[in-house]
Amino acid sequence: MRERDVIVLLTEWGKWNRGGVGGRCAVTGVWDDDLSVGVISDERAAKIDVAVCALGRESARLKNIVMQVYVYDREKTQVCARLTMTRYEFDVSLALAHEFVGCYLYPLKKIA
């Protein structure tokens, strides 16, 4: 899965989390006309929740970065200041988190 696809999924998952009304997605399939709230199914959001929890078991710091960026909607500079990290460390950490979530959601298939 491409990193851009993971970013889109995590962005929508963050909106879904912030909305706190995930049940509406299951009924309509998409949010009404307000796309700023989020367009993701409850089932897909739950799978992303599981992937982020698994990330937290591997690295609490990476999970914290994902939560800060996607759920709390904080900017890079805010996250760097909160977690006392450089912007380079942030970029590398977020890329690792994206890779983990992407591989968790869409694992590679074994070749026989």
N, C-alpha and C. Protein backbone atom coordinates (compact mmCIF):
# COMPACT_ATOMS: atom_id res chain seq x y z
N MET A 1 0.85 -1.17 0.00
CA MET A 1 0.00 0.00 0.00
C MET A 1 0.89 1.24 0.00
N ARG A 2 0.54 2.19 -0.83
CA ARG A 2 1.34 3.42 -0.92
C ARG A 2 1.16 4.28 0.33
N GLU A 3 2.21 5.00 0.67
CA GLU A 3 2.16 5.85 1.87
C GLU A 3 1.04 6.88 1.75
N ARG A 4 0.83 7.41 0.57
CA ARG A 4 -0.24 8.41 0.38
C ARG A 4 -1.61 7.82 0.73
N ASP A 5 -1.84 6.55 0.36
CA ASP A 5 -3.11 5.89 0.69
C ASP A 5 -3.28 5.74 2.20
N VAL A 6 -2.19 5.42 2.88
CA VAL A 6 -2.23 5.29 4.34
C VAL A 6 -2.53 6.64 4.98
N ILE A 7 -1.93 7.69 4.45
CA ILE A 7 -2.17 9.04 4.97
C ILE A 7 -3.64 9.41 4.84
N VAL A 8 -4.23 9.10 3.69
CA VAL A 8 -5.66 9.40 3.48
C VAL A 8 -6.51 8.62 4.47
N LEU A 9 -6.22 7.33 4.64
CA LEU A 9 -6.98 6.51 5.60
C LEU A 9 -6.84 7.04 7.01
N LEU A 10 -5.63 7.37 7.43
CA LEU A 10 -5.41 7.88 8.78
C LEU A 10 -6.07 9.25 8.98
N THR A 11 -6.06 10.06 7.95
CA THR A 11 -6.71 11.37 8.04
C THR A 11 -8.21 11.20 8.24
N GLU A 12 -8.82 10.32 7.46
CA GLU A 12 -10.26 10.07 7.61
C GLU A 12 -10.57 9.41 8.95
N TRP A 13 -9.69 8.52 9.40
CA TRP A 13 -9.87 7.86 10.70
C TRP A 13 -9.80 8.89 11.83
N GLY A 14 -8.88 9.85 11.70
CA GLY A 14 -8.78 10.90 12.70
C GLY A 14 -10.04 11.75 12.77
N LYS A 15 -10.58 12.10 11.60
CA LYS A 15 -11.84 12.86 11.56
C LYS A 15 -12.96 12.05 12.19
N TRP A 16 -12.99 10.77 11.88
CA TRP A 16 -14.00 9.85 12.43
C TRP A 16 -13.89 9.81 13.95
N ASN A 17 -12.67 9.74 14.45
CA ASN A 17 -12.43 9.73 15.89
C ASN A 17 -12.86 11.02 16.55
N ARG A 18 -12.49 12.14 15.95
CA ARG A 18 -12.86 13.44 16.51
C ARG A 18 -14.36 13.67 16.47
N GLY A 19 -15.04 13.11 15.47
CA GLY A 19 -16.48 13.29 15.36
C GLY A 19 -17.23 12.62 16.48
N GLY A 20 -16.72 11.50 16.97
CA GLY A 20 -17.33 10.80 18.10
C GLY A 20 -18.72 10.24 17.81
N VAL A 21 -19.11 10.22 16.55
CA VAL A 21 -20.43 9.69 16.21
C VAL A 21 -20.28 8.69 15.07
N GLY A 22 -19.44 7.71 15.25
CA GLY A 22 -19.15 6.75 14.19
C GLY A 22 -20.36 6.02 13.65
N GLY A 23 -21.41 5.90 14.43
CA GLY A 23 -22.59 5.18 13.99
C GLY A 23 -23.24 5.77 12.75
N ARG A 24 -23.13 7.07 12.54
CA ARG A 24 -23.73 7.69 11.36
C ARG A 24 -23.10 7.17 10.08
N CYS A 25 -21.84 6.81 10.13
CA CYS A 25 -21.18 6.33 8.92
C CYS A 25 -21.79 5.02 8.45
N ALA A 26 -22.10 4.15 9.40
CA ALA A 26 -22.63 2.83 9.05
C ALA A 26 -23.99 2.96 8.38
N VAL A 27 -24.75 3.96 8.73
CA VAL A 27 -26.09 4.12 8.19
C VAL A 27 -26.05 4.70 6.78
N THR A 28 -25.28 5.76 6.58
CA THR A 28 -25.31 6.46 5.30
C THR A 28 -24.16 6.08 4.38
N GLY A 29 -23.12 5.48 4.91
CA GLY A 29 -21.95 5.15 4.10
C GLY A 29 -20.98 6.31 3.99
N VAL A 30 -21.49 7.53 3.95
CA VAL A 30 -20.64 8.73 3.97
C VAL A 30 -21.34 9.75 4.84
N TRP A 31 -20.58 10.71 5.29
CA TRP A 31 -21.17 11.82 6.04
C TRP A 31 -21.94 12.67 5.07
N ASP A 32 -22.89 13.39 5.57
CA ASP A 32 -23.74 14.21 4.71
C ASP A 32 -22.90 15.02 3.73
N ASP A 33 -23.03 16.32 3.68
CA ASP A 33 -22.26 17.12 2.74
C ASP A 33 -21.01 17.70 3.36
N ASP A 34 -20.80 17.47 4.64
CA ASP A 34 -19.66 18.06 5.34
C ASP A 34 -18.48 17.09 5.31
N LEU A 35 -17.67 17.16 4.27
CA LEU A 35 -16.54 16.24 4.13
C LEU A 35 -15.43 16.53 5.12
N SER A 36 -15.50 17.67 5.81
CA SER A 36 -14.48 17.97 6.81
C SER A 36 -14.65 17.07 8.03
N VAL A 37 -15.82 16.48 8.19
CA VAL A 37 -16.07 15.61 9.34
C VAL A 37 -15.47 14.23 9.11
N GLY A 38 -15.58 13.67 7.93
CA GLY A 38 -14.95 12.40 7.65
C GLY A 38 -15.80 11.52 6.76
N VAL A 39 -15.14 10.71 5.94
CA VAL A 39 -15.82 9.80 5.05
C VAL A 39 -15.13 8.45 5.19
N ILE A 40 -15.60 7.66 6.14
CA ILE A 40 -15.01 6.35 6.38
C ILE A 40 -16.06 5.48 7.06
N SER A 41 -16.06 4.22 6.74
CA SER A 41 -17.03 3.32 7.37
C SER A 41 -16.57 2.97 8.78
N ASP A 42 -17.52 2.61 9.62
CA ASP A 42 -17.17 2.20 10.98
C ASP A 42 -16.27 0.97 10.96
N GLU A 43 -16.53 0.06 10.03
CA GLU A 43 -15.73 -1.17 9.95
C GLU A 43 -14.27 -0.86 9.61
N ARG A 44 -14.07 0.00 8.63
CA ARG A 44 -12.70 0.36 8.25
C ARG A 44 -12.01 1.13 9.38
N ALA A 45 -12.76 2.03 10.03
CA ALA A 45 -12.19 2.80 11.14
C ALA A 45 -11.78 1.87 12.29
N ALA A 46 -12.60 0.84 12.54
CA ALA A 46 -12.26 -0.12 13.59
C ALA A 46 -10.99 -0.89 13.25
N LYS A 47 -10.80 -1.22 11.98
CA LYS A 47 -9.57 -1.91 11.56
C LYS A 47 -8.35 -1.01 11.74
N ILE A 48 -8.52 0.27 11.46
CA ILE A 48 -7.41 1.20 11.65
C ILE A 48 -7.12 1.35 13.14
N ASP A 49 -8.17 1.38 13.97
CA ASP A 49 -7.98 1.40 15.43
C ASP A 49 -7.11 0.24 15.88
N VAL A 50 -7.42 -0.96 15.37
CA VAL A 50 -6.65 -2.15 15.73
C VAL A 50 -5.20 -2.00 15.29
N ALA A 51 -4.99 -1.48 14.09
CA ALA A 51 -3.63 -1.29 13.58
C ALA A 51 -2.86 -0.29 14.43
N VAL A 52 -3.51 0.81 14.84
CA VAL A 52 -2.84 1.82 15.67
C VAL A 52 -2.55 1.26 17.06
N CYS A 53 -3.45 0.44 17.59
CA CYS A 53 -3.18 -0.22 18.89
C CYS A 53 -1.99 -1.16 18.77
N ALA A 54 -1.92 -1.90 17.67
CA ALA A 54 -0.77 -2.80 17.45
C ALA A 54 0.52 -1.98 17.33
N LEU A 55 0.44 -0.84 16.68
CA LEU A 55 1.60 0.06 16.60
C LEU A 55 2.03 0.47 18.00
N GLY A 56 1.07 0.76 18.87
CA GLY A 56 1.38 1.16 20.24
C GLY A 56 2.07 0.07 21.03
N ARG A 57 1.74 -1.18 20.72
CA ARG A 57 2.43 -2.29 21.40
C ARG A 57 3.88 -2.40 20.96
N GLU A 58 4.15 -1.99 19.73
CA GLU A 58 5.53 -2.01 19.22
C GLU A 58 6.31 -0.76 19.64
N SER A 59 5.63 0.39 19.58
CA SER A 59 6.30 1.65 19.92
C SER A 59 5.26 2.66 20.39
N ALA A 60 5.28 2.93 21.67
CA ALA A 60 4.34 3.90 22.24
C ALA A 60 4.58 5.29 21.64
N ARG A 61 5.84 5.59 21.35
CA ARG A 61 6.17 6.91 20.78
C ARG A 61 5.56 7.08 19.39
N LEU A 62 5.65 6.05 18.55
CA LEU A 62 5.07 6.14 17.21
C LEU A 62 3.55 6.27 17.29
N LYS A 63 2.93 5.53 18.19
CA LYS A 63 1.49 5.64 18.35
C LYS A 63 1.12 7.05 18.81
N ASN A 64 1.90 7.59 19.73
CA ASN A 64 1.65 8.93 20.22
C ASN A 64 1.73 9.95 19.08
N ILE A 65 2.70 9.79 18.20
CA ILE A 65 2.83 10.69 17.06
C ILE A 65 1.60 10.59 16.16
N VAL A 66 1.16 9.37 15.87
CA VAL A 66 -0.03 9.18 15.04
C VAL A 66 -1.25 9.83 15.69
N MET A 67 -1.41 9.64 16.99
CA MET A 67 -2.56 10.22 17.69
C MET A 67 -2.48 11.75 17.66
N GLN A 68 -1.30 12.30 17.89
CA GLN A 68 -1.14 13.75 17.89
C GLN A 68 -1.49 14.35 16.53
N VAL A 69 -1.02 13.71 15.47
CA VAL A 69 -1.21 14.24 14.12
C VAL A 69 -2.64 14.03 13.62
N TYR A 70 -3.15 12.81 13.76
CA TYR A 70 -4.42 12.47 13.11
C TYR A 70 -5.65 12.63 14.00
N VAL A 71 -5.55 12.32 15.26
CA VAL A 71 -6.71 12.43 16.14
C VAL A 71 -6.80 13.84 16.73
N TYR A 72 -5.68 14.36 17.24
CA TYR A 72 -5.70 15.67 17.87
C TYR A 72 -5.45 16.80 16.87
N ASP A 73 -5.14 16.42 15.61
CA ASP A 73 -5.00 17.38 14.51
C ASP A 73 -3.97 18.47 14.80
N ARG A 74 -2.82 18.04 15.34
CA ARG A 74 -1.76 19.00 15.67
C ARG A 74 -0.77 19.11 14.52
N GLU A 75 -0.17 20.29 14.39
CA GLU A 75 0.83 20.55 13.36
C GLU A 75 2.17 19.92 13.77
N LYS A 76 3.04 19.76 12.76
CA LYS A 76 4.35 19.16 12.99
C LYS A 76 5.12 19.89 14.08
N THR A 77 5.13 21.22 14.04
CA THR A 77 5.90 21.98 15.03
C THR A 77 5.35 21.77 16.44
N GLN A 78 4.03 21.66 16.57
CA GLN A 78 3.43 21.42 17.88
C GLN A 78 3.83 20.04 18.42
N VAL A 79 3.79 19.04 17.55
CA VAL A 79 4.15 17.67 17.98
C VAL A 79 5.62 17.61 18.36
N CYS A 80 6.47 18.24 17.55
CA CYS A 80 7.91 18.25 17.85
C CYS A 80 8.18 18.90 19.20
N ALA A 81 7.51 19.99 19.49
CA ALA A 81 7.70 20.67 20.77
C ALA A 81 7.20 19.81 21.93
N ARG A 82 6.03 19.20 21.75
CA ARG A 82 5.46 18.36 22.81
C ARG A 82 6.32 17.14 23.12
N LEU A 83 6.86 16.54 22.07
CA LEU A 83 7.61 15.29 22.24
C LEU A 83 9.12 15.51 22.23
N THR A 84 9.54 16.76 22.26
CA THR A 84 10.96 17.13 22.22
C THR A 84 11.74 16.31 21.20
N MET A 85 11.40 16.53 19.95
CA MET A 85 12.08 15.84 18.85
C MET A 85 12.33 16.84 17.72
N THR A 86 13.30 16.54 16.89
CA THR A 86 13.57 17.41 15.74
C THR A 86 12.54 17.14 14.66
N ARG A 87 12.46 18.03 13.69
CA ARG A 87 11.54 17.83 12.58
C ARG A 87 11.94 16.62 11.75
N TYR A 88 13.24 16.39 11.63
CA TYR A 88 13.71 15.20 10.91
C TYR A 88 13.27 13.93 11.63
N GLU A 89 13.44 13.87 12.95
CA GLU A 89 13.00 12.70 13.72
C GLU A 89 11.50 12.49 13.57
N PHE A 90 10.76 13.60 13.55
CA PHE A 90 9.31 13.51 13.36
C PHE A 90 8.99 12.90 12.01
N ASP A 91 9.63 13.40 10.94
CA ASP A 91 9.36 12.90 9.59
C ASP A 91 9.67 11.41 9.47
N VAL A 92 10.80 11.00 10.00
CA VAL A 92 11.20 9.59 9.94
C VAL A 92 10.22 8.74 10.76
N SER A 93 9.87 9.19 11.95
CA SER A 93 8.96 8.45 12.82
C SER A 93 7.58 8.31 12.19
N LEU A 94 7.08 9.38 11.61
CA LEU A 94 5.76 9.33 10.99
C LEU A 94 5.77 8.41 9.77
N ALA A 95 6.85 8.43 9.00
CA ALA A 95 6.97 7.51 7.85
C ALA A 95 6.98 6.06 8.32
N LEU A 96 7.68 5.79 9.42
CA LEU A 96 7.69 4.42 9.99
C LEU A 96 6.29 4.01 10.44
N ALA A 97 5.59 4.94 11.07
CA ALA A 97 4.23 4.65 11.52
C ALA A 97 3.31 4.37 10.34
N HIS A 98 3.44 5.16 9.28
CA HIS A 98 2.64 4.93 8.08
C HIS A 98 2.92 3.55 7.51
N GLU A 99 4.19 3.19 7.45
CA GLU A 99 4.58 1.88 6.92
C GLU A 99 3.99 0.75 7.76
N PHE A 100 4.07 0.88 9.07
CA PHE A 100 3.54 -0.14 9.97
C PHE A 100 2.03 -0.31 9.76
N VAL A 101 1.30 0.80 9.76
CA VAL A 101 -0.16 0.73 9.62
C VAL A 101 -0.52 0.15 8.26
N GLY A 102 0.16 0.57 7.21
CA GLY A 102 -0.11 0.04 5.88
C GLY A 102 0.13 -1.46 5.80
N CYS A 103 1.23 -1.92 6.37
CA CYS A 103 1.53 -3.36 6.36
C CYS A 103 0.57 -4.14 7.25
N TYR A 104 0.11 -3.53 8.32
CA TYR A 104 -0.84 -4.19 9.21
C TYR A 104 -2.19 -4.35 8.52
N LEU A 105 -2.62 -3.31 7.83
CA LEU A 105 -3.92 -3.36 7.16
C LEU A 105 -3.89 -4.25 5.92
N TYR A 106 -2.78 -4.23 5.21
CA TYR A 106 -2.65 -4.99 3.96
C TYR A 106 -1.34 -5.77 3.97
N PRO A 107 -1.29 -6.87 4.74
CA PRO A 107 -0.03 -7.62 4.83
C PRO A 107 0.32 -8.25 3.48
N LEU A 108 1.62 -8.41 3.27
CA LEU A 108 2.08 -9.08 2.06
C LEU A 108 1.69 -10.54 2.10
N LYS A 109 1.33 -11.07 0.96
CA LYS A 109 0.94 -12.48 0.88
C LYS A 109 2.19 -13.31 0.63
N LYS A 110 2.23 -14.48 1.24
CA LYS A 110 3.35 -15.39 1.02
C LYS A 110 3.25 -15.98 -0.39
N ILE A 111 4.41 -16.08 -1.02
CA ILE A 111 4.48 -16.71 -2.34
C ILE A 111 4.84 -18.16 -2.13
N ALA A 112 4.06 -19.04 -2.70
CA ALA A 112 4.25 -20.48 -2.49
C ALA A 112 5.51 -21.00 -3.08
